[in-house]
Amino acid sequence: MVDEHGAPDAFKNRCTNAACTLESCISYFIERISLDESNEDRKENTLDVWLRKGPWKPDVVVSLSNLYSVHPWGTRTGPHLY
């Protein structure tokens, strides 16, 4: 699916595309998480998640950008992305 950023369903389409792409990684485990924070422009913040299955499968890196807020160690359990 290709969408226009201004289209009403653009976010839904991007989420659907990501879910379809990552479906093959369901049995992978998180090997590493990296947060690159920009103090000048928070839209340049990126969160990279490395997924690994083993030597017989390729590693996968999920890179999230244009984040508004990241709370990896909040008072609740697990990371919180807003």
Protein backbone atom coordinates (compact mmCIF):
# COMPACT_ATOMS: atom_id res chain seq x y z
CA MET A 1 0.00 0.00 0.00
CA VAL A 2 1.18 3.48 -0.81
CA ASP A 3 -0.42 6.47 0.86
CA GLU A 4 -0.30 10.23 0.83
CA HIS A 5 0.83 11.69 4.17
CA GLY A 6 -2.18 14.02 4.26
CA ALA A 7 -4.73 11.27 3.57
CA PRO A 8 -7.08 10.43 6.45
CA ASP A 9 -6.06 6.74 6.41
CA ALA A 10 -2.31 7.37 5.93
CA PHE A 11 -1.39 6.41 9.52
CA LYS A 12 -3.59 3.31 9.40
CA ASN A 13 -1.98 2.24 6.11
CA ARG A 14 1.54 2.69 7.49
CA CYS A 15 0.68 0.65 10.59
CA THR A 16 -0.86 -2.10 8.44
CA ASN A 17 2.24 -2.16 6.21
CA ALA A 18 4.52 -2.41 9.24
CA ALA A 19 2.45 -5.23 10.77
CA CYS A 20 2.56 -7.21 7.51
CA THR A 21 6.30 -6.68 7.14
CA LEU A 22 7.13 -7.61 10.75
CA GLU A 23 4.82 -10.64 10.88
CA SER A 24 7.71 -12.89 9.80
CA CYS A 25 9.70 -11.72 12.87
CA ILE A 26 7.18 -12.96 15.43
CA SER A 27 9.58 -15.55 16.93
CA TYR A 28 12.61 -13.21 16.99
CA PHE A 29 13.89 -11.77 20.27
CA ILE A 30 15.07 -8.24 21.02
CA GLU A 31 18.84 -8.19 21.00
CA ARG A 32 19.43 -4.46 21.47
CA ILE A 33 17.60 -1.12 21.68
CA SER A 34 19.26 2.18 20.84
CA LEU A 35 17.88 5.69 21.32
CA ASP A 36 19.51 8.58 19.44
CA GLU A 37 18.20 11.80 20.95
CA SER A 38 18.54 15.17 19.27
CA ASN A 39 18.55 18.10 21.68
CA GLU A 40 17.91 20.55 18.85
CA ASP A 41 14.91 18.98 17.12
CA ARG A 42 12.96 16.19 18.77
CA LYS A 43 11.62 15.13 15.36
CA GLU A 44 15.14 13.86 14.61
CA ASN A 45 15.01 11.41 17.54
CA THR A 46 15.28 7.77 16.46
CA LEU A 47 14.70 4.53 18.29
CA ASP A 48 16.31 1.42 16.76
CA VAL A 49 15.33 -2.10 17.83
CA TRP A 50 17.54 -5.01 16.72
CA LEU A 51 15.71 -8.33 16.38
CA ARG A 52 17.53 -11.67 16.19
CA LYS A 53 16.46 -15.24 15.56
CA GLY A 54 19.82 -16.97 15.24
CA PRO A 55 22.66 -17.51 12.78
CA TRP A 56 20.38 -19.19 10.23
CA LYS A 57 18.05 -16.17 9.88
CA PRO A 58 18.94 -12.57 9.00
CA ASP A 59 18.85 -9.97 11.77
CA VAL A 60 16.20 -7.25 11.49
CA VAL A 61 16.45 -3.62 12.60
CA VAL A 62 13.25 -1.66 13.21
CA SER A 63 13.96 2.07 13.13
CA LEU A 64 11.38 4.53 14.42
CA SER A 65 11.79 8.25 13.78
CA ASN A 66 9.87 11.48 14.25
CA LEU A 67 9.02 10.44 17.81
CA TYR A 68 7.35 12.90 20.14
CA SER A 69 8.35 11.18 23.34
CA VAL A 70 10.13 8.01 24.47
CA HIS A 71 9.94 6.71 28.03
CA PRO A 72 11.89 3.42 28.01
CA TRP A 73 12.05 3.01 31.78
CA GLY A 74 8.91 4.60 33.12
CA THR A 75 7.11 3.73 36.31
CA ARG A 76 4.98 1.24 34.37
CA THR A 77 6.46 -2.00 33.01
CA GLY A 78 8.05 -1.89 29.58
CA PRO A 79 8.86 0.97 27.19
CA HIS A 80 6.31 3.69 26.48
CA LEU A 81 6.26 5.47 23.12
CA TYR A 82 3.99 8.43 22.57
